[in-house]
Amino acid sequence: MSVNPLRDFRLMLCVLLLISRLGDIGSTYLITPKLKLEANPIARKLGWPFALLTIALCLLPYLST
């Protein structure tokens, strides 16, 4: 059984990105559920569907590290 360090690195990056996005979205929801205090004007304008769509960013390391 061979270990592929690049695959493990990509998996680690994906997991870390997922945890950080979920933490960011969760803390934003706790502070400002209607996004009135959101500093990012794009996120404020596009709302929660956009914020939830950004969770897909955790797959970015599989495209390019």
Protein backbone atom coordinates (compact mmCIF):
# COMPACT_ATOMS: atom_id res chain seq x y z
CA MET A 1 0.00 0.00 0.00
CA SER A 2 1.63 3.24 -1.13
CA VAL A 3 0.95 6.61 0.42
CA ASN A 4 0.39 9.54 -1.91
CA PRO A 5 1.53 12.68 -0.05
CA LEU A 6 -0.13 15.04 -2.57
CA ARG A 7 -3.51 13.36 -2.08
CA ASP A 8 -3.15 13.58 1.69
CA PHE A 9 -2.13 17.24 1.45
CA ARG A 10 -5.16 18.04 -0.74
CA LEU A 11 -7.47 16.23 1.67
CA MET A 12 -6.02 18.14 4.62
CA LEU A 13 -6.46 21.46 2.80
CA CYS A 14 -10.03 20.55 1.89
CA VAL A 15 -10.93 19.67 5.47
CA LEU A 16 -9.30 22.83 6.86
CA LEU A 17 -11.10 25.02 4.31
CA LEU A 18 -14.41 23.34 5.11
CA ILE A 19 -13.97 23.86 8.85
CA SER A 20 -13.00 27.51 8.38
CA ARG A 21 -15.94 28.24 6.02
CA LEU A 22 -18.43 26.55 8.35
CA GLY A 23 -17.00 28.52 11.27
CA ASP A 24 -17.22 31.78 9.35
CA ILE A 25 -20.79 31.15 8.20
CA GLY A 26 -21.85 29.97 11.65
CA SER A 27 -20.38 32.95 13.47
CA THR A 28 -21.83 35.35 10.90
CA TYR A 29 -25.27 33.80 11.37
CA LEU A 30 -25.01 34.12 15.15
CA ILE A 31 -24.04 37.80 14.98
CA THR A 32 -26.20 39.01 12.10
CA PRO A 33 -28.85 36.59 10.82
CA LYS A 34 -30.15 39.18 8.33
CA LEU A 35 -26.61 40.13 7.22
CA LYS A 36 -27.10 43.81 8.12
CA LEU A 37 -23.72 43.93 9.88
CA GLU A 38 -21.85 41.91 7.22
CA ALA A 39 -18.73 43.77 6.08
CA ASN A 40 -18.60 42.07 2.69
CA PRO A 41 -20.94 44.00 0.35
CA ILE A 42 -21.17 41.10 -2.11
CA ALA A 43 -22.24 38.64 0.58
CA ARG A 44 -24.65 41.20 2.01
CA LYS A 45 -26.28 41.74 -1.38
CA LEU A 46 -26.46 38.08 -2.48
CA GLY A 47 -27.51 36.77 0.94
CA TRP A 48 -27.40 33.35 2.54
CA PRO A 49 -27.69 31.27 -0.66
CA PHE A 50 -24.36 32.77 -1.76
CA ALA A 51 -22.80 32.13 1.65
CA LEU A 52 -23.87 28.50 1.55
CA LEU A 53 -22.61 28.16 -2.02
CA THR A 54 -19.15 29.23 -0.88
CA ILE A 55 -18.90 26.00 1.10
CA ALA A 56 -18.00 24.42 -2.24
CA LEU A 57 -14.69 26.30 -1.98
CA CYS A 58 -13.38 23.43 0.10
CA LEU A 59 -13.03 21.47 -3.15
CA LEU A 60 -10.62 24.05 -4.57
CA PRO A 61 -7.44 22.18 -3.50
CA TYR A 62 -8.47 19.30 -5.77
CA LEU A 63 -8.33 21.64 -8.79
CA SER A 64 -5.00 23.24 -7.95
CA THR A 65 -2.86 23.28 -4.84
